[in-house]
Amino acid sequence: MMKTFLRGVAAAAALTAFIASANAQTAQPQAPASTSQPSATAPAKPSTTAKPAAKSSAAKKQPSKAQMASRAHMKDCAAQWQKAKSAHTTGGKTYKQFSSECLKQQ
């Protein structure tokens, strides 16, 4: 147990050292502060692009009558399963088996 912990700590330390060295290699040298003119090699500012607007709920397509009826039937089957489960009358069936039979009874 302790060996596993120590291996994890050593791996984390090695990863941290690797990331630090990679960051040091990619860092750009900064121009001296005494120059009054802007440097041509100044790092560019990250662009701020607007995220696309999320679709409003009003723009969603409404479910059809058949889809609404199917959802209602599924909810009825789920309610029947809960009643049978609480009364211990499932007959050894799983919910998948029960719902399959219930949904066929449309």
PDB file of N, CA and C in Angstrom:
ATOM      1  N   MET A   1       0.830  -1.178   0.000  1.00  0.00           N
ATOM      2  CA  MET A   1       0.000   0.000   0.000  1.00  0.00           C
ATOM      3  C   MET A   1       0.879   1.247   0.000  1.00  0.00           C
ATOM      4  N   MET A   2       1.873   1.265   0.866  1.00  0.00           N
ATOM      5  CA  MET A   2       2.757   2.420   0.962  1.00  0.00           C
ATOM      6  C   MET A   2       3.607   2.553  -0.300  1.00  0.00           C
ATOM      7  N   LYS A   3       4.033   1.414  -0.873  1.00  0.00           N
ATOM      8  CA  LYS A   3       4.831   1.464  -2.092  1.00  0.00           C
ATOM      9  C   LYS A   3       4.024   2.076  -3.230  1.00  0.00           C
ATOM     10  N   THR A   4       2.757   1.725  -3.320  1.00  0.00           N
ATOM     11  CA  THR A   4       1.890   2.268  -4.362  1.00  0.00           C
ATOM     12  C   THR A   4       1.740   3.770  -4.194  1.00  0.00           C
ATOM     13  N   PHE A   5       1.584   4.203  -2.963  1.00  0.00           N
ATOM     14  CA  PHE A   5       1.451   5.629  -2.677  1.00  0.00           C
ATOM     15  C   PHE A   5       2.728   6.367  -3.068  1.00  0.00           C
ATOM     16  N   LEU A   6       3.867   5.817  -2.692  1.00  0.00           N
ATOM     17  CA  LEU A   6       5.139   6.461  -3.001  1.00  0.00           C
ATOM     18  C   LEU A   6       5.386   6.501  -4.511  1.00  0.00           C
ATOM     19  N   ARG A   7       4.982   5.457  -5.213  1.00  0.00           N
ATOM     20  CA  ARG A   7       5.112   5.466  -6.672  1.00  0.00           C
ATOM     21  C   ARG A   7       4.265   6.574  -7.284  1.00  0.00           C
ATOM     22  N   GLY A   8       3.076   6.759  -6.749  1.00  0.00           N
ATOM     23  CA  GLY A   8       2.189   7.816  -7.240  1.00  0.00           C
ATOM     24  C   GLY A   8       2.771   9.196  -6.981  1.00  0.00           C
ATOM     25  N   VAL A   9       3.362   9.379  -5.802  1.00  0.00           N
ATOM     26  CA  VAL A   9       3.976  10.662  -5.462  1.00  0.00           C
ATOM     27  C   VAL A   9       5.166  10.917  -6.379  1.00  0.00           C
ATOM     28  N   ALA A  10       5.976   9.888  -6.622  1.00  0.00           N
ATOM     29  CA  ALA A  10       7.140  10.039  -7.493  1.00  0.00           C
ATOM     30  C   ALA A  10       6.700  10.356  -8.926  1.00  0.00           C
ATOM     31  N   ALA A  11       5.649   9.710  -9.389  1.00  0.00           N
ATOM     32  CA  ALA A  11       5.150   9.966 -10.732  1.00  0.00           C
ATOM     33  C   ALA A  11       4.614  11.389 -10.850  1.00  0.00           C
ATOM     34  N   ALA A  12       3.931  11.854  -9.825  1.00  0.00           N
ATOM     35  CA  ALA A  12       3.402  13.214  -9.835  1.00  0.00           C
ATOM     36  C   ALA A  12       4.543  14.227  -9.839  1.00  0.00           C
ATOM     37  N   ALA A  13       5.580  13.969  -9.071  1.00  0.00           N
ATOM     38  CA  ALA A  13       6.723  14.874  -9.030  1.00  0.00           C
ATOM     39  C   ALA A  13       7.429  14.903 -10.384  1.00  0.00           C
ATOM     40  N   ALA A  14       7.587  13.752 -11.017  1.00  0.00           N
ATOM     41  CA  ALA A  14       8.245  13.695 -12.314  1.00  0.00           C
ATOM     42  C   ALA A  14       7.413  14.431 -13.362  1.00  0.00           C
ATOM     43  N   LEU A  15       6.108  14.267 -13.313  1.00  0.00           N
ATOM     44  CA  LEU A  15       5.224  14.941 -14.258  1.00  0.00           C
ATOM     45  C   LEU A  15       5.285  16.451 -14.064  1.00  0.00           C
ATOM     46  N   THR A  16       5.305  16.904 -12.818  1.00  0.00           N
ATOM     47  CA  THR A  16       5.396  18.329 -12.529  1.00  0.00           C
ATOM     48  C   THR A  16       6.708  18.902 -13.055  1.00  0.00           C
ATOM     49  N   ALA A  17       7.817  18.186 -12.854  1.00  0.00           N
ATOM     50  CA  ALA A  17       9.115  18.647 -13.348  1.00  0.00           C
ATOM     51  C   ALA A  17       9.120  18.703 -14.872  1.00  0.00           C
ATOM     52  N   PHE A  18       8.523  17.724 -15.515  1.00  0.00           N
ATOM     53  CA  PHE A  18       8.460  17.697 -16.977  1.00  0.00           C
ATOM     54  C   PHE A  18       7.665  18.886 -17.506  1.00  0.00           C
ATOM     55  N   ILE A  19       6.531  19.165 -16.897  1.00  0.00           N
ATOM     56  CA  ILE A  19       5.689  20.280 -17.336  1.00  0.00           C
ATOM     57  C   ILE A  19       6.411  21.607 -17.111  1.00  0.00           C
ATOM     58  N   ALA A  20       7.099  21.745 -15.982  1.00  0.00           N
ATOM     59  CA  ALA A  20       7.823  22.980 -15.700  1.00  0.00           C
ATOM     60  C   ALA A  20       8.931  23.204 -16.723  1.00  0.00           C
ATOM     61  N   SER A  21       9.644  22.144 -17.092  1.00  0.00           N
ATOM     62  CA  SER A  21      10.721  22.307 -18.069  1.00  0.00           C
ATOM     63  C   SER A  21      10.147  22.616 -19.452  1.00  0.00           C
ATOM     64  N   ALA A  22       9.019  22.033 -19.790  1.00  0.00           N
ATOM     65  CA  ALA A  22       8.389  22.324 -21.076  1.00  0.00           C
ATOM     66  C   ALA A  22       7.912  23.765 -21.130  1.00  0.00           C
ATOM     67  N   ASN A  23       7.372  24.264 -20.026  1.00  0.00           N
ATOM     68  CA  ASN A  23       6.919  25.648 -19.980  1.00  0.00           C
ATOM     69  C   ASN A  23       8.101  26.606 -20.061  1.00  0.00           C
ATOM     70  N   ALA A  24       9.210  26.262 -19.455  1.00  0.00           N
ATOM     71  CA  ALA A  24      10.393  27.118 -19.489  1.00  0.00           C
ATOM     72  C   ALA A  24      10.957  27.188 -20.897  1.00  0.00           C
ATOM     73  N   GLN A  25      10.882  26.107 -21.644  1.00  0.00           N
ATOM     74  CA  GLN A  25      11.410  26.091 -23.004  1.00  0.00           C
ATOM     75  C   GLN A  25      10.532  26.886 -23.959  1.00  0.00           C
ATOM     76  N   THR A  26       9.243  26.927 -23.719  1.00  0.00           N
ATOM     77  CA  THR A  26       8.327  27.616 -24.630  1.00  0.00           C
ATOM     78  C   THR A  26       8.104  29.066 -24.243  1.00  0.00           C
ATOM     79  N   ALA A  27       8.599  29.502 -23.086  1.00  0.00           N
ATOM     80  CA  ALA A  27       8.400  30.888 -22.660  1.00  0.00           C
ATOM     81  C   ALA A  27       9.198  31.809 -23.572  1.00  0.00           C
ATOM     82  N   GLN A  28       8.602  32.946 -23.939  1.00  0.00           N
ATOM     83  CA  GLN A  28       9.271  33.905 -24.812  1.00  0.00           C
ATOM     84  C   GLN A  28      10.073  34.878 -23.958  1.00  0.00           C
ATOM     85  N   PRO A  29      11.272  35.244 -24.415  1.00  0.00           N
ATOM     86  CA  PRO A  29      12.048  36.215 -23.648  1.00  0.00           C
ATOM     87  C   PRO A  29      11.359  37.568 -23.709  1.00  0.00           C
ATOM     88  N   GLN A  30      11.371  38.294 -22.618  1.00  0.00           N
ATOM     89  CA  GLN A  30      10.705  39.576 -22.559  1.00  0.00           C
ATOM     90  C   GLN A  30      11.683  40.691 -22.890  1.00  0.00           C
ATOM     91  N   ALA A  31      11.183  41.738 -23.560  1.00  0.00           N
ATOM     92  CA  ALA A  31      12.006  42.888 -23.920  1.00  0.00           C
ATOM     93  C   ALA A  31      12.321  43.675 -22.663  1.00  0.00           C
ATOM     94  N   PRO A  32      13.475  44.351 -22.635  1.00  0.00           N
ATOM     95  CA  PRO A  32      13.811  45.167 -21.468  1.00  0.00           C
ATOM     96  C   PRO A  32      12.785  46.276 -21.270  1.00  0.00           C
ATOM     97  N   ALA A  33      12.512  46.634 -20.052  1.00  0.00           N
ATOM     98  CA  ALA A  33      11.494  47.622 -19.731  1.00  0.00           C
ATOM     99  C   ALA A  33      11.947  49.036 -20.060  1.00  0.00           C
ATOM    100  N   SER A  34      13.224  49.252 -20.324  1.00  0.00           N
ATOM    101  CA  SER A  34      13.731  50.598 -20.554  1.00  0.00           C
ATOM    102  C   SER A  34      13.406  51.130 -21.939  1.00  0.00           C
ATOM    103  N   THR A  35      13.025  50.285 -22.873  1.00  0.00           N
ATOM    104  CA  THR A  35      12.716  50.772 -24.219  1.00  0.00           C
ATOM    105  C   THR A  35      11.331  51.391 -24.238  1.00  0.00           C
ATOM    106  N   SER A  36      11.223  52.537 -24.878  1.00  0.00           N
ATOM    107  CA  SER A  36       9.940  53.233 -24.913  1.00  0.00           C
ATOM    108  C   SER A  36       9.111  52.840 -26.122  1.00  0.00           C
ATOM    109  N   GLN A  37       9.724  52.236 -27.141  1.00  0.00           N
ATOM    110  CA  GLN A  37       8.980  51.843 -28.326  1.00  0.00           C
ATOM    111  C   GLN A  37       8.485  50.405 -28.163  1.00  0.00           C
ATOM    112  N   PRO A  38       7.285  50.114 -28.674  1.00  0.00           N
ATOM    113  CA  PRO A  38       6.797  48.739 -28.552  1.00  0.00           C
ATOM    114  C   PRO A  38       7.640  47.792 -29.389  1.00  0.00           C
ATOM    115  N   SER A  39       7.858  46.651 -28.860  1.00  0.00           N
ATOM    116  CA  SER A  39       8.670  45.643 -29.525  1.00  0.00           C
ATOM    117  C   SER A  39       7.868  44.960 -30.627  1.00  0.00           C
ATOM    118  N   ALA A  40       8.541  44.603 -31.710  1.00  0.00           N
ATOM    119  CA  ALA A  40       7.871  43.913 -32.805  1.00  0.00           C
ATOM    120  C   ALA A  40       7.587  42.465 -32.443  1.00  0.00           C
ATOM    121  N   THR A  41       8.258  41.945 -31.418  1.00  0.00           N
ATOM    122  CA  THR A  41       8.062  40.557 -31.025  1.00  0.00           C
ATOM    123  C   THR A  41       7.172  40.438 -29.802  1.00  0.00           C
ATOM    124  N   ALA A  42       6.381  41.458 -29.514  1.00  0.00           N
ATOM    125  CA  ALA A  42       5.495  41.407 -28.355  1.00  0.00           C
ATOM    126  C   ALA A  42       4.470  40.308 -28.566  1.00  0.00           C
ATOM    127  N   PRO A  43       4.152  39.568 -27.512  1.00  0.00           N
ATOM    128  CA  PRO A  43       3.176  38.484 -27.673  1.00  0.00           C
ATOM    129  C   PRO A  43       1.807  39.042 -28.041  1.00  0.00           C
ATOM    130  N   ALA A  44       1.160  38.360 -28.932  1.00  0.00           N
ATOM    131  CA  ALA A  44      -0.163  38.784 -29.385  1.00  0.00           C
ATOM    132  C   ALA A  44      -1.197  38.478 -28.321  1.00  0.00           C
ATOM    133  N   LYS A  45      -2.170  39.356 -28.226  1.00  0.00           N
ATOM    134  CA  LYS A  45      -3.256  39.138 -27.267  1.00  0.00           C
ATOM    135  C   LYS A  45      -4.175  38.049 -27.803  1.00  0.00           C
ATOM    136  N   PRO A  46      -4.681  37.204 -26.929  1.00  0.00           N
ATOM    137  CA  PRO A  46      -5.598  36.171 -27.411  1.00  0.00           C
ATOM    138  C   PRO A  46      -6.869  36.810 -27.945  1.00  0.00           C
ATOM    139  N   SER A  47      -7.346  36.264 -29.025  1.00  0.00           N
ATOM    140  CA  SER A  47      -8.558  36.815 -29.621  1.00  0.00           C
ATOM    141  C   SER A  47      -9.764  36.434 -28.770  1.00  0.00           C
ATOM    142  N   THR A  48     -10.670  37.342 -28.696  1.00  0.00           N
ATOM    143  CA  THR A  48     -11.897  37.094 -27.939  1.00  0.00           C
ATOM    144  C   THR A  48     -13.019  36.915 -28.931  1.00  0.00           C
ATOM    145  N   THR A  49     -13.327  35.682 -29.202  1.00  0.00           N
ATOM    146  CA  THR A  49     -14.410  35.401 -30.132  1.00  0.00           C
ATOM    147  C   THR A  49     -15.649  35.051 -29.346  1.00  0.00           C
ATOM    148  N   ALA A  50     -16.752  35.507 -29.821  1.00  0.00           N
ATOM    149  CA  ALA A  50     -18.017  35.233 -29.146  1.00  0.00           C
ATOM    150  C   ALA A  50     -18.441  33.792 -29.420  1.00  0.00           C
ATOM    151  N   LYS A  51     -18.973  33.169 -28.413  1.00  0.00           N
ATOM    152  CA  LYS A  51     -19.490  31.814 -28.578  1.00  0.00           C
ATOM    153  C   LYS A  51     -20.822  31.894 -29.322  1.00  0.00           C
ATOM    154  N   PRO A  52     -21.122  30.874 -30.122  1.00  0.00           N
ATOM    155  CA  PRO A  52     -22.412  30.898 -30.809  1.00  0.00           C
ATOM    156  C   PRO A  52     -23.556  30.850 -29.799  1.00  0.00           C
ATOM    157  N   ALA A  53     -24.591  31.560 -30.091  1.00  0.00           N
ATOM    158  CA  ALA A  53     -25.741  31.618 -29.192  1.00  0.00           C
ATOM    159  C   ALA A  53     -26.401  30.250 -29.097  1.00  0.00           C
ATOM    160  N   ALA A  54     -26.781  29.891 -27.894  1.00  0.00           N
ATOM    161  CA  ALA A  54     -27.458  28.616 -27.680  1.00  0.00           C
ATOM    162  C   ALA A  54     -28.866  28.693 -28.265  1.00  0.00           C
ATOM    163  N   LYS A  55     -29.328  27.568 -28.753  1.00  0.00           N
ATOM    164  CA  LYS A  55     -30.676  27.535 -29.315  1.00  0.00           C
ATOM    165  C   LYS A  55     -31.685  27.724 -28.194  1.00  0.00           C
ATOM    166  N   SER A  56     -32.649  28.542 -28.444  1.00  0.00           N
ATOM    167  CA  SER A  56     -33.664  28.769 -27.435  1.00  0.00           C
ATOM    168  C   SER A  56     -34.625  27.587 -27.393  1.00  0.00           C
ATOM    169  N   SER A  57     -35.246  27.414 -26.253  1.00  0.00           N
ATOM    170  CA  SER A  57     -36.172  26.293 -26.108  1.00  0.00           C
ATOM    171  C   SER A  57     -37.411  26.488 -26.984  1.00  0.00           C
ATOM    172  N   ALA A  58     -37.712  27.734 -27.342  1.00  0.00           N
ATOM    173  CA  ALA A  58     -38.870  27.988 -28.193  1.00  0.00           C
ATOM    174  C   ALA A  58     -38.619  27.488 -29.618  1.00  0.00           C
ATOM    175  N   ALA A  59     -37.341  27.397 -30.010  1.00  0.00           N
ATOM    176  CA  ALA A  59     -37.016  26.962 -31.360  1.00  0.00           C
ATOM    177  C   ALA A  59     -37.008  25.441 -31.483  1.00  0.00           C
ATOM    178  N   LYS A  60     -37.151  24.733 -30.378  1.00  0.00           N
ATOM    179  CA  LYS A  60     -37.149  23.274 -30.427  1.00  0.00           C
ATOM    180  C   LYS A  60     -38.394  22.759 -31.133  1.00  0.00           C
ATOM    181  N   LYS A  61     -38.208  21.654 -31.824  1.00  0.00           N
ATOM    182  CA  LYS A  61     -39.330  21.026 -32.499  1.00  0.00           C
ATOM    183  C   LYS A  61     -40.190  20.314 -31.450  1.00  0.00           C
ATOM    184  N   GLN A  62     -41.454  20.520 -31.514  1.00  0.00           N
ATOM    185  CA  GLN A  62     -42.379  19.907 -30.565  1.00  0.00           C
ATOM    186  C   GLN A  62     -42.601  18.444 -30.934  1.00  0.00           C
ATOM    187  N   PRO A  63     -42.732  17.552 -29.933  1.00  0.00           N
ATOM    188  CA  PRO A  63     -42.982  16.133 -30.232  1.00  0.00           C
ATOM    189  C   PRO A  63     -44.359  15.943 -30.869  1.00  0.00           C
ATOM    190  N   SER A  64     -44.432  14.908 -31.686  1.00  0.00           N
ATOM    191  CA  SER A  64     -45.694  14.627 -32.370  1.00  0.00           C
ATOM    192  C   SER A  64     -46.682  13.984 -31.395  1.00  0.00           C
ATOM    193  N   LYS A  65     -47.918  13.812 -31.851  1.00  0.00           N
ATOM    194  CA  LYS A  65     -48.943  13.183 -31.009  1.00  0.00           C
ATOM    195  C   LYS A  65     -48.569  11.744 -30.698  1.00  0.00           C
ATOM    196  N   ALA A  66     -48.007  11.051 -31.672  1.00  0.00           N
ATOM    197  CA  ALA A  66     -47.602   9.653 -31.459  1.00  0.00           C
ATOM    198  C   ALA A  66     -46.482   9.568 -30.429  1.00  0.00           C
ATOM    199  N   GLN A  67     -45.540  10.512 -30.483  1.00  0.00           N
ATOM    200  CA  GLN A  67     -44.450  10.516 -29.506  1.00  0.00           C
ATOM    201  C   GLN A  67     -44.979  10.809 -28.110  1.00  0.00           C
ATOM    202  N   MET A  68     -45.912  11.736 -28.018  1.00  0.00           N
ATOM    203  CA  MET A  68     -46.499  12.064 -26.714  1.00  0.00           C
ATOM    204  C   MET A  68     -47.266  10.869 -26.151  1.00  0.00           C
ATOM    205  N   ALA A  69     -47.986  10.153 -27.013  1.00  0.00           N
ATOM    206  CA  ALA A  69     -48.733   8.980 -26.566  1.00  0.00           C
ATOM    207  C   ALA A  69     -47.776   7.877 -26.108  1.00  0.00           C
ATOM    208  N   SER A  70     -46.687   7.707 -26.841  1.00  0.00           N
ATOM    209  CA  SER A  70     -45.702   6.690 -26.485  1.00  0.00           C
ATOM    210  C   SER A  70     -45.066   6.998 -25.133  1.00  0.00           C
ATOM    211  N   ARG A  71     -44.736   8.265 -24.919  1.00  0.00           N
ATOM    212  CA  ARG A  71     -44.147   8.665 -23.630  1.00  0.00           C
ATOM    213  C   ARG A  71     -45.125   8.436 -22.482  1.00  0.00           C
ATOM    214  N   ALA A  72     -46.389   8.747 -22.716  1.00  0.00           N
ATOM    215  CA  ALA A  72     -47.402   8.543 -21.683  1.00  0.00           C
ATOM    216  C   ALA A  72     -47.541   7.061 -21.366  1.00  0.00           C
ATOM    217  N   HIS A  73     -47.509   6.211 -22.407  1.00  0.00           N
ATOM    218  CA  HIS A  73     -47.618   4.763 -22.202  1.00  0.00           C
ATOM    219  C   HIS A  73     -46.414   4.239 -21.426  1.00  0.00           C
ATOM    220  N   MET A  74     -45.242   4.762 -21.745  1.00  0.00           N
ATOM    221  CA  MET A  74     -44.037   4.341 -21.024  1.00  0.00           C
ATOM    222  C   MET A  74     -44.119   4.732 -19.551  1.00  0.00           C
ATOM    223  N   LYS A  75     -44.654   5.931 -19.270  1.00  0.00           N
ATOM    224  CA  LYS A  75     -44.802   6.367 -17.884  1.00  0.00           C
ATOM    225  C   LYS A  75     -45.802   5.476 -17.144  1.00  0.00           C
ATOM    226  N   ASP A  76     -46.873   5.072 -17.841  1.00  0.00           N
ATOM    227  CA  ASP A  76     -47.850   4.171 -17.225  1.00  0.00           C
ATOM    228  C   ASP A  76     -47.212   2.821 -16.889  1.00  0.00           C
ATOM    229  N   CYS A  77     -46.400   2.300 -17.808  1.00  0.00           N
ATOM    230  CA  CYS A  77     -45.718   1.024 -17.558  1.00  0.00           C
ATOM    231  C   CYS A  77     -44.754   1.143 -16.384  1.00  0.00           C
ATOM    232  N   ALA A  78     -44.062   2.272 -16.293  1.00  0.00           N
ATOM    233  CA  ALA A  78     -43.131   2.485 -15.181  1.00  0.00           C
ATOM    234  C   ALA A  78     -43.887   2.539 -13.855  1.00  0.00           C
ATOM    235  N   ALA A  79     -45.051   3.170 -13.852  1.00  0.00           N
ATOM    236  CA  ALA A  79     -45.863   3.232 -12.635  1.00  0.00           C
ATOM    237  C   ALA A  79     -46.359   1.835 -12.240  1.00  0.00           C
ATOM    238  N   GLN A  80     -46.758   1.042 -13.225  1.00  0.00           N
ATOM    239  CA  GLN A  80     -47.190  -0.338 -12.948  1.00  0.00           C
ATOM    240  C   GLN A  80     -46.035  -1.146 -12.371  1.00  0.00           C
ATOM    241  N   TRP A  81     -44.823  -0.951 -12.910  1.00  0.00           N
ATOM    242  CA  TRP A  81     -43.645  -1.670 -12.404  1.00  0.00           C
ATOM    243  C   TRP A  81     -43.367  -1.301 -10.949  1.00  0.00           C
ATOM    244  N   GLN A  82     -43.467  -0.022 -10.629  1.00  0.00           N
ATOM    245  CA  GLN A  82     -43.211   0.403  -9.258  1.00  0.00           C
ATOM    246  C   GLN A  82     -44.230  -0.213  -8.298  1.00  0.00           C
ATOM    247  N   LYS A  83     -45.493  -0.278  -8.712  1.00  0.00           N
ATOM    248  CA  LYS A  83     -46.520  -0.894  -7.872  1.00  0.00           C
ATOM    249  C   LYS A  83     -46.242  -2.379  -7.683  1.00  0.00           C
ATOM    250  N   ALA A  84     -45.914  -3.068  -8.780  1.00  0.00           N
ATOM    251  CA  ALA A  84     -45.643  -4.504  -8.703  1.00  0.00           C
ATOM    252  C   ALA A  84     -44.393  -4.774  -7.882  1.00  0.00           C
ATOM    253  N   LYS A  85     -43.401  -3.925  -8.014  1.00  0.00           N
ATOM    254  CA  LYS A  85     -42.156  -4.115  -7.269  1.00  0.00           C
ATOM    255  C   LYS A  85     -42.377  -3.911  -5.777  1.00  0.00           C
ATOM    256  N   SER A  86     -43.150  -2.892  -5.427  1.00  0.00           N
ATOM    257  CA  SER A  86     -43.393  -2.642  -4.002  1.00  0.00           C
ATOM    258  C   SER A  86     -44.291  -3.724  -3.402  1.00  0.00           C
ATOM    259  N   ALA A  87     -45.149  -4.356  -4.223  1.00  0.00           N
ATOM    260  CA  ALA A  87     -46.023  -5.429  -3.738  1.00  0.00           C
ATOM    261  C   ALA A  87     -45.353  -6.798  -3.872  1.00  0.00           C
ATOM    262  N   HIS A  88     -44.124  -6.834  -4.392  1.00  0.00           N
ATOM    263  CA  HIS A  88     -43.373  -8.083  -4.585  1.00  0.00           C
ATOM    264  C   HIS A  88     -44.136  -9.060  -5.488  1.00  0.00           C
ATOM    265  N   THR A  89     -44.723  -8.537  -6.566  1.00  0.00           N
ATOM    266  CA  THR A  89     -45.458  -9.383  -7.499  1.00  0.00           C
ATOM    267  C   THR A  89     -44.878  -9.303  -8.910  1.00  0.00           C
ATOM    268  N   THR A  90     -43.569  -9.154  -9.004  1.00  0.00           N
ATOM    269  CA  THR A  90     -42.933  -9.051 -10.324  1.00  0.00           C
ATOM    270  C   THR A  90     -42.764 -10.417 -10.963  1.00  0.00           C
ATOM    271  N   GLY A  91     -42.905 -11.473 -10.220  1.00  0.00           N
ATOM    272  CA  GLY A  91     -42.778 -12.820 -10.763  1.00  0.00           C
ATOM    273  C   GLY A  91     -41.353 -13.148 -11.192  1.00  0.00           C
ATOM    274  N   GLY A  92     -40.366 -12.503 -10.580  1.00  0.00           N
ATOM    275  CA  GLY A  92     -38.978 -12.771 -10.921  1.00  0.00           C
ATOM    276  C   GLY A  92     -38.511 -12.087 -12.200  1.00  0.00           C
ATOM    277  N   LYS A  93     -39.348 -11.251 -12.771  1.00  0.00           N
ATOM    278  CA  LYS A  93     -38.984 -10.550 -14.004  1.00  0.00           C
ATOM    279  C   LYS A  93     -38.121  -9.335 -13.678  1.00  0.00           C
ATOM    280  N   THR A  94     -37.320  -8.960 -14.650  1.00  0.00           N
ATOM    281  CA  THR A  94     -36.575  -7.715 -14.537  1.00  0.00           C
ATOM    282  C   THR A  94     -37.419  -6.606 -15.132  1.00  0.00           C
ATOM    283  N   TYR A  95     -37.004  -5.361 -14.912  1.00  0.00           N
ATOM    284  CA  TYR A  95     -37.764  -4.241 -15.458  1.00  0.00           C
ATOM    285  C   TYR A  95     -37.782  -4.303 -16.980  1.00  0.00           C
ATOM    286  N   LYS A  96     -36.671  -4.708 -17.559  1.00  0.00           N
ATOM    287  CA  LYS A  96     -36.595  -4.784 -19.023  1.00  0.00           C
ATOM    288  C   LYS A  96     -37.630  -5.771 -19.566  1.00  0.00           C
ATOM    289  N   GLN A  97     -37.741  -6.939 -18.924  1.00  0.00           N
ATOM    290  CA  GLN A  97     -38.722  -7.934 -19.367  1.00  0.00           C
ATOM    291  C   GLN A  97     -40.143  -7.412 -19.161  1.00  0.00           C
ATOM    292  N   PHE A  98     -40.379  -6.827 -17.987  1.00  0.00           N
ATOM    293  CA  PHE A  98     -41.709  -6.310 -17.658  1.00  0.00           C
ATOM    294  C   PHE A  98     -42.120  -5.206 -18.627  1.00  0.00           C
ATOM    295  N   SER A  99     -41.203  -4.264 -18.889  1.00  0.00           N
ATOM    296  CA  SER A  99     -41.558  -3.141 -19.753  1.00  0.00           C
ATOM    297  C   SER A  99     -41.771  -3.597 -21.190  1.00  0.00           C
ATOM    298  N   SER A 100     -41.027  -4.596 -21.620  1.00  0.00           N
ATOM    299  CA  SER A 100     -41.204  -5.116 -22.958  1.00  0.00           C
ATOM    300  C   SER A 100     -42.615  -5.678 -23.136  1.00  0.00           C
ATOM    301  N   GLU A 101     -43.063  -6.433 -22.151  1.00  0.00           N
ATOM    302  CA  GLU A 101     -44.415  -6.997 -22.223  1.00  0.00           C
ATOM    303  C   GLU A 101     -45.472  -5.905 -22.103  1.00  0.00           C
ATOM    304  N   CYS A 102     -45.219  -4.941 -21.225  1.00  0.00           N
ATOM    305  CA  CYS A 102     -46.193  -3.880 -20.998  1.00  0.00           C
ATOM    306  C   CYS A 102     -46.355  -3.017 -22.247  1.00  0.00           C
ATOM    307  N   LEU A 103     -45.246  -2.698 -22.878  1.00  0.00           N
ATOM    308  CA  LEU A 103     -45.315  -1.834 -24.064  1.00  0.00           C
ATOM    309  C   LEU A 103     -45.952  -2.534 -25.259  1.00  0.00           C
ATOM    310  N   LYS A 104     -45.930  -3.853 -25.281  1.00  0.00           N
ATOM    311  CA  LYS A 104     -46.583  -4.612 -26.354  1.00  0.00           C
ATOM    312  C   LYS A 104     -48.097  -4.572 -26.215  1.00  0.00           C
ATOM    313  N   GLN A 105     -48.619  -4.248 -25.039  1.00  0.00           N
ATOM    314  CA  GLN A 105     -50.047  -4.264 -24.767  1.00  0.00           C
ATOM    315  C   GLN A 105     -50.730  -2.963 -25.191  1.00  0.00           C
ATOM    316  N   GLN A 106     -50.170  -2.213 -26.086  1.00  0.00           N
ATOM    317  CA  GLN A 106     -50.759  -0.943 -26.501  1.00  0.00           C
ATOM    318  C   GLN A 106     -52.076  -1.123 -27.169  1.00  0.00           C
TER     319      GLN A 106
END
